[in-house]
PDB file of N, CA and C in Angstrom:
ATOM      1  N   UNK A   1      89.048  82.435  38.279  1.00  0.00           N
ATOM      2  CA  UNK A   1      90.076  82.311  39.353  1.00  0.00           C
ATOM      3  C   UNK A   1      90.292  80.887  39.790  1.00  0.00           C
ATOM      4  N   UNK A   2      91.573  80.455  39.933  1.00  0.00           N
ATOM      5  CA  UNK A   2      91.774  79.065  40.301  1.00  0.00           C
ATOM      6  C   UNK A   2      91.272  78.716  41.676  1.00  0.00           C
ATOM      7  N   UNK A   3      90.862  77.431  41.816  1.00  0.00           N
ATOM      8  CA  UNK A   3      90.447  76.931  43.068  1.00  0.00           C
ATOM      9  C   UNK A   3      91.691  76.883  44.093  1.00  0.00           C
ATOM     10  N   UNK A   4      91.484  77.285  45.313  1.00  0.00           N
ATOM     11  CA  UNK A   4      92.529  77.260  46.322  1.00  0.00           C
ATOM     12  C   UNK A   4      92.960  75.845  46.607  1.00  0.00           C
ATOM     13  N   UNK A   5      94.230  75.605  46.742  1.00  0.00           N
ATOM     14  CA  UNK A   5      94.769  74.284  47.247  1.00  0.00           C
ATOM     15  C   UNK A   5      94.384  74.042  48.582  1.00  0.00           C
ATOM     16  N   UNK A   6      94.185  72.693  48.926  1.00  0.00           N
ATOM     17  CA  UNK A   6      93.788  72.431  50.298  1.00  0.00           C
ATOM     18  C   UNK A   6      94.738  71.312  50.809  1.00  0.00           C
ATOM     19  N   UNK A   7      95.321  71.606  51.955  1.00  0.00           N
ATOM     20  CA  UNK A   7      96.134  70.723  52.632  1.00  0.00           C
ATOM     21  C   UNK A   7      95.659  70.784  54.062  1.00  0.00           C
ATOM     22  N   UNK A   8      95.061  69.645  54.567  1.00  0.00           N
ATOM     23  CA  UNK A   8      94.456  69.679  55.988  1.00  0.00           C
ATOM     24  C   UNK A   8      95.144  68.802  56.825  1.00  0.00           C
ATOM     25  N   UNK A   9      95.456  69.351  58.094  1.00  0.00           N
ATOM     26  CA  UNK A   9      96.125  68.525  59.100  1.00  0.00           C
ATOM     27  C   UNK A   9      95.237  68.491  60.246  1.00  0.00           C
ATOM     28  N   UNK A  10      94.957  67.239  60.808  1.00  0.00           N
ATOM     29  CA  UNK A  10      94.063  67.021  61.857  1.00  0.00           C
ATOM     30  C   UNK A  10      94.692  66.160  62.951  1.00  0.00           C
ATOM     31  N   UNK A  11      94.575  66.609  64.140  1.00  0.00           N
ATOM     32  CA  UNK A  11      95.185  65.887  65.276  1.00  0.00           C
ATOM     33  C   UNK A  11      94.071  65.405  66.145  1.00  0.00           C
ATOM     34  N   UNK A  12      94.040  64.076  66.432  1.00  0.00           N
ATOM     35  CA  UNK A  12      92.880  63.575  67.286  1.00  0.00           C
ATOM     36  C   UNK A  12      93.461  62.839  68.493  1.00  0.00           C
ATOM     37  N   UNK A  13      92.891  63.216  69.578  1.00  0.00           N
ATOM     38  CA  UNK A  13      93.246  62.521  70.879  1.00  0.00           C
ATOM     39  C   UNK A  13      94.804  62.502  71.127  1.00  0.00           C
ATOM     40  N   UNK A  14      95.576  63.445  70.697  1.00  0.00           N
ATOM     41  CA  UNK A  14      96.941  63.516  70.945  1.00  0.00           C
ATOM     42  C   UNK A  14      97.814  62.330  70.366  1.00  0.00           C
ATOM     43  N   UNK A  15      97.148  61.452  69.586  1.00  0.00           N
ATOM     44  CA  UNK A  15      97.962  60.309  69.033  1.00  0.00           C
ATOM     45  C   UNK A  15      97.919  60.226  67.635  1.00  0.00           C
ATOM     46  N   UNK A  16      96.785  60.457  66.985  1.00  0.00           N
ATOM     47  CA  UNK A  16      96.542  60.295  65.547  1.00  0.00           C
ATOM     48  C   UNK A  16      96.682  61.522  64.839  1.00  0.00           C
ATOM     49  N   UNK A  17      97.429  61.520  63.793  1.00  0.00           N
ATOM     50  CA  UNK A  17      97.706  62.740  62.935  1.00  0.00           C
ATOM     51  C   UNK A  17      97.215  62.284  61.490  1.00  0.00           C
ATOM     52  N   UNK A  18      96.460  63.197  60.932  1.00  0.00           N
ATOM     53  CA  UNK A  18      95.881  62.902  59.577  1.00  0.00           C
ATOM     54  C   UNK A  18      95.968  63.970  58.697  1.00  0.00           C
ATOM     55  N   UNK A  19      96.648  63.807  57.621  1.00  0.00           N
ATOM     56  CA  UNK A  19      96.841  64.822  56.589  1.00  0.00           C
ATOM     57  C   UNK A  19      96.047  64.553  55.326  1.00  0.00           C
ATOM     58  N   UNK A  20      95.268  65.531  54.860  1.00  0.00           N
ATOM     59  CA  UNK A  20      94.523  65.285  53.678  1.00  0.00           C
ATOM     60  C   UNK A  20      95.091  66.251  52.584  1.00  0.00           C
ATOM     61  N   UNK A  21      95.485  65.820  51.478  1.00  0.00           N
ATOM     62  CA  UNK A  21      95.937  66.603  50.313  1.00  0.00           C
ATOM     63  C   UNK A  21      95.059  66.266  49.086  1.00  0.00           C
ATOM     64  N   UNK A  22      94.162  67.274  48.782  1.00  0.00           N
ATOM     65  CA  UNK A  22      93.142  67.092  47.789  1.00  0.00           C
ATOM     66  C   UNK A  22      93.547  67.181  46.442  1.00  0.00           C
ATOM     67  N   UNK A  23      94.816  67.896  46.150  1.00  0.00           N
ATOM     68  CA  UNK A  23      95.187  68.010  44.769  1.00  0.00           C
ATOM     69  C   UNK A  23      96.519  67.273  44.575  1.00  0.00           C
ATOM     70  N   UNK A  24      96.588  66.049  45.105  1.00  0.00           N
ATOM     71  CA  UNK A  24      97.800  65.199  45.045  1.00  0.00           C
ATOM     72  C   UNK A  24      98.073  64.797  43.534  1.00  0.00           C
ATOM     73  N   UNK A  25      99.427  64.889  43.176  1.00  0.00           N
ATOM     74  CA  UNK A  25      99.815  64.399  41.827  1.00  0.00           C
ATOM     75  C   UNK A  25     100.686  63.129  41.920  1.00  0.00           C
ATOM     76  N   UNK A  26     101.735  63.153  42.631  1.00  0.00           N
ATOM     77  CA  UNK A  26     102.840  62.167  42.674  1.00  0.00           C
ATOM     78  C   UNK A  26     103.599  62.219  43.890  1.00  0.00           C
ATOM     79  N   UNK A  27     104.258  61.103  44.309  1.00  0.00           N
ATOM     80  CA  UNK A  27     105.187  61.185  45.420  1.00  0.00           C
ATOM     81  C   UNK A  27     106.476  60.355  45.231  1.00  0.00           C
ATOM     82  N   UNK A  28     107.490  60.787  45.980  1.00  0.00           N
ATOM     83  CA  UNK A  28     108.882  60.128  45.707  1.00  0.00           C
ATOM     84  C   UNK A  28     109.273  59.706  47.163  1.00  0.00           C
ATOM     85  N   UNK A  29     109.936  58.563  47.173  1.00  0.00           N
ATOM     86  CA  UNK A  29     110.699  58.083  48.528  1.00  0.00           C
ATOM     87  C   UNK A  29     112.024  58.102  48.167  1.00  0.00           C
ATOM     88  N   UNK A  30     112.905  58.570  49.142  1.00  0.00           N
ATOM     89  CA  UNK A  30     114.451  58.576  48.901  1.00  0.00           C
ATOM     90  C   UNK A  30     115.067  58.033  50.166  1.00  0.00           C
ATOM     91  N   UNK A  31     115.920  56.962  50.107  1.00  0.00           N
ATOM     92  CA  UNK A  31     116.656  56.581  51.239  1.00  0.00           C
ATOM     93  C   UNK A  31     117.753  57.603  51.611  1.00  0.00           C
ATOM     94  N   UNK A  32     117.879  57.926  52.796  1.00  0.00           N
ATOM     95  CA  UNK A  32     118.910  58.797  53.204  1.00  0.00           C
ATOM     96  C   UNK A  32     119.747  58.090  54.377  1.00  0.00           C
ATOM     97  N   UNK A  33     120.934  58.555  54.634  1.00  0.00           N
ATOM     98  CA  UNK A  33     121.695  57.994  55.672  1.00  0.00           C
ATOM     99  C   UNK A  33     121.020  58.015  57.040  1.00  0.00           C
ATOM    100  N   UNK A  34     120.250  59.064  57.224  1.00  0.00           N
ATOM    101  CA  UNK A  34     119.569  59.337  58.560  1.00  0.00           C
ATOM    102  C   UNK A  34     118.136  58.666  58.635  1.00  0.00           C
ATOM    103  N   UNK A  35     117.584  58.184  57.479  1.00  0.00           N
ATOM    104  CA  UNK A  35     116.176  57.640  57.497  1.00  0.00           C
ATOM    105  C   UNK A  35     115.609  57.747  56.162  1.00  0.00           C
ATOM    106  N   UNK A  36     114.457  58.428  55.965  1.00  0.00           N
ATOM    107  CA  UNK A  36     113.786  58.514  54.596  1.00  0.00           C
ATOM    108  C   UNK A  36     113.323  59.839  54.385  1.00  0.00           C
ATOM    109  N   UNK A  37     113.289  60.194  53.163  1.00  0.00           N
ATOM    110  CA  UNK A  37     112.741  61.546  52.756  1.00  0.00           C
ATOM    111  C   UNK A  37     111.645  61.251  51.742  1.00  0.00           C
ATOM    112  N   UNK A  38     110.450  61.783  52.039  1.00  0.00           N
ATOM    113  CA  UNK A  38     109.263  61.668  51.161  1.00  0.00           C
ATOM    114  C   UNK A  38     108.851  63.100  50.689  1.00  0.00           C
ATOM    115  N   UNK A  39     108.710  63.133  49.397  1.00  0.00           N
ATOM    116  CA  UNK A  39     108.302  64.427  48.716  1.00  0.00           C
ATOM    117  C   UNK A  39     106.917  64.142  48.081  1.00  0.00           C
ATOM    118  N   UNK A  40     105.988  65.023  48.344  1.00  0.00           N
ATOM    119  CA  UNK A  40     104.700  64.771  47.639  1.00  0.00           C
ATOM    120  C   UNK A  40     104.322  66.062  46.882  1.00  0.00           C
ATOM    121  N   UNK A  41     104.076  65.907  45.626  1.00  0.00           N
ATOM    122  CA  UNK A  41     103.693  66.955  44.665  1.00  0.00           C
ATOM    123  C   UNK A  41     102.205  67.164  44.692  1.00  0.00           C
ATOM    124  N   UNK A  42     101.782  68.418  45.002  1.00  0.00           N
ATOM    125  CA  UNK A  42     100.491  68.718  45.015  1.00  0.00           C
ATOM    126  C   UNK A  42     100.174  70.107  44.549  1.00  0.00           C
ATOM    127  N   UNK A  43      99.333  70.317  43.684  1.00  0.00           N
ATOM    128  CA  UNK A  43      99.112  71.616  43.173  1.00  0.00           C
ATOM    129  C   UNK A  43     100.299  72.012  42.336  1.00  0.00           C
ATOM    130  N   UNK A  44     100.857  73.214  42.696  1.00  0.00           N
ATOM    131  CA  UNK A  44     102.116  73.630  42.026  1.00  0.00           C
ATOM    132  C   UNK A  44     103.247  73.753  43.057  1.00  0.00           C
ATOM    133  N   UNK A  45     103.143  72.974  44.049  1.00  0.00           N
ATOM    134  CA  UNK A  45     104.212  72.910  45.203  1.00  0.00           C
ATOM    135  C   UNK A  45     104.496  71.529  45.545  1.00  0.00           C
ATOM    136  N   UNK A  46     105.589  71.307  46.411  1.00  0.00           N
ATOM    137  CA  UNK A  46     106.039  70.032  46.885  1.00  0.00           C
ATOM    138  C   UNK A  46     106.068  70.079  48.492  1.00  0.00           C
ATOM    139  N   UNK A  47     105.494  69.107  49.069  1.00  0.00           N
ATOM    140  CA  UNK A  47     105.596  68.877  50.560  1.00  0.00           C
ATOM    141  C   UNK A  47     106.790  67.897  50.867  1.00  0.00           C
ATOM    142  N   UNK A  48     107.721  68.310  51.652  1.00  0.00           N
ATOM    143  CA  UNK A  48     108.739  67.418  51.982  1.00  0.00           C
ATOM    144  C   UNK A  48     108.745  66.953  53.397  1.00  0.00           C
ATOM    145  N   UNK A  49     108.854  65.666  53.623  1.00  0.00           N
ATOM    146  CA  UNK A  49     108.801  65.111  54.910  1.00  0.00           C
ATOM    147  C   UNK A  49     110.131  64.380  55.143  1.00  0.00           C
ATOM    148  N   UNK A  50     110.858  64.584  56.193  1.00  0.00           N
ATOM    149  CA  UNK A  50     111.921  63.842  56.625  1.00  0.00           C
ATOM    150  C   UNK A  50     111.598  62.912  57.711  1.00  0.00           C
ATOM    151  N   UNK A  51     111.822  61.698  57.576  1.00  0.00           N
ATOM    152  CA  UNK A  51     111.672  60.695  58.586  1.00  0.00           C
ATOM    153  C   UNK A  51     112.974  60.266  59.102  1.00  0.00           C
ATOM    154  N   UNK A  52     113.254  60.705  60.268  1.00  0.00           N
ATOM    155  CA  UNK A  52     114.660  60.418  60.834  1.00  0.00           C
ATOM    156  C   UNK A  52     114.597  59.547  62.022  1.00  0.00           C
ATOM    157  N   UNK A  53     115.500  58.474  61.990  1.00  0.00           N
ATOM    158  CA  UNK A  53     115.577  57.540  63.043  1.00  0.00           C
ATOM    159  C   UNK A  53     116.156  58.095  64.248  1.00  0.00           C
ATOM    160  N   UNK A  54     115.718  57.846  65.423  1.00  0.00           N
ATOM    161  CA  UNK A  54     116.094  58.394  66.589  1.00  0.00           C
ATOM    162  C   UNK A  54     117.589  57.889  67.019  1.00  0.00           C
ATOM    163  N   UNK A  55     117.725  56.469  67.152  1.00  0.00           N
ATOM    164  CA  UNK A  55     118.904  55.992  67.516  1.00  0.00           C
ATOM    165  C   UNK A  55     119.558  54.924  66.570  1.00  0.00           C
ATOM    166  N   UNK A  56     119.467  55.177  65.336  1.00  0.00           N
ATOM    167  CA  UNK A  56     119.892  54.258  64.246  1.00  0.00           C
ATOM    168  C   UNK A  56     120.509  54.993  63.090  1.00  0.00           C
ATOM    169  N   UNK A  57     121.492  54.442  62.506  1.00  0.00           N
ATOM    170  CA  UNK A  57     122.044  54.963  61.293  1.00  0.00           C
ATOM    171  C   UNK A  57     122.307  53.785  60.353  1.00  0.00           C
ATOM    172  N   UNK A  58     122.128  54.026  59.065  1.00  0.00           N
ATOM    173  CA  UNK A  58     122.385  52.854  58.033  1.00  0.00           C
ATOM    174  C   UNK A  58     123.831  52.291  58.254  1.00  0.00           C
ATOM    175  N   UNK A  59     123.882  51.024  58.193  1.00  0.00           N
ATOM    176  CA  UNK A  59     125.243  50.412  58.365  1.00  0.00           C
ATOM    177  C   UNK A  59     126.270  50.493  57.255  1.00  0.00           C
ATOM    178  N   UNK A  60     125.776  51.031  56.130  1.00  0.00           N
ATOM    179  CA  UNK A  60     126.539  51.218  55.002  1.00  0.00           C
ATOM    180  C   UNK A  60     126.193  52.476  54.200  1.00  0.00           C
ATOM    181  N   UNK A  61     126.961  52.829  53.304  1.00  0.00           N
ATOM    182  CA  UNK A  61     126.649  54.058  52.421  1.00  0.00           C
ATOM    183  C   UNK A  61     125.563  53.533  51.414  1.00  0.00           C
ATOM    184  N   UNK A  62     124.810  54.590  50.928  1.00  0.00           N
ATOM    185  CA  UNK A  62     123.772  54.234  49.947  1.00  0.00           C
ATOM    186  C   UNK A  62     124.477  54.183  48.566  1.00  0.00           C
ATOM    187  N   UNK A  63     124.248  53.192  47.820  1.00  0.00           N
ATOM    188  CA  UNK A  63     124.796  52.959  46.519  1.00  0.00           C
ATOM    189  C   UNK A  63     124.102  53.661  45.318  1.00  0.00           C
ATOM    190  N   UNK A  64     122.898  53.959  45.482  1.00  0.00           N
ATOM    191  CA  UNK A  64     122.133  54.564  44.380  1.00  0.00           C
ATOM    192  C   UNK A  64     121.486  55.854  44.958  1.00  0.00           C
ATOM    193  N   UNK A  65     121.844  56.990  44.305  1.00  0.00           N
ATOM    194  CA  UNK A  65     121.291  58.274  44.832  1.00  0.00           C
ATOM    195  C   UNK A  65     120.320  58.701  43.735  1.00  0.00           C
ATOM    196  N   UNK A  66     119.000  58.924  44.212  1.00  0.00           N
ATOM    197  CA  UNK A  66     118.128  59.386  43.152  1.00  0.00           C
ATOM    198  C   UNK A  66     117.889  60.923  43.410  1.00  0.00           C
ATOM    199  N   UNK A  67     117.413  61.498  42.308  1.00  0.00           N
ATOM    200  CA  UNK A  67     117.193  62.938  42.221  1.00  0.00           C
ATOM    201  C   UNK A  67     115.769  63.304  42.009  1.00  0.00           C
ATOM    202  N   UNK A  68     115.070  63.888  42.916  1.00  0.00           N
ATOM    203  CA  UNK A  68     113.823  64.420  42.650  1.00  0.00           C
ATOM    204  C   UNK A  68     113.711  65.518  41.684  1.00  0.00           C
ATOM    205  N   UNK A  69     112.820  65.611  40.712  1.00  0.00           N
ATOM    206  CA  UNK A  69     112.808  66.756  39.861  1.00  0.00           C
ATOM    207  C   UNK A  69     112.423  68.033  40.497  1.00  0.00           C
ATOM    208  N   UNK A  70     111.868  67.904  41.821  1.00  0.00           N
ATOM    209  CA  UNK A  70     111.439  69.156  42.439  1.00  0.00           C
ATOM    210  C   UNK A  70     112.322  69.453  43.656  1.00  0.00           C
ATOM    211  N   UNK A  71     113.704  69.443  43.391  1.00  0.00           N
ATOM    212  CA  UNK A  71     114.633  69.782  44.502  1.00  0.00           C
ATOM    213  C   UNK A  71     114.604  71.242  44.803  1.00  0.00           C
TER     214      UNK A  71
END
């Protein structure tokens, strides 16, 4: 039987967040009009993180659009 995948999220003192991904393969960063999108391939799945700016938008359109193979 395959070893279970492990994704650990730890919060310490209400300020620090720490995520441990033990079966990490690759990651992608993509610029978006609202901030950044990060995709992390681990095991046979992908973790998607959207980093959105609170009071900011990019001043121009993005000229290069990249496609992640795990859309």
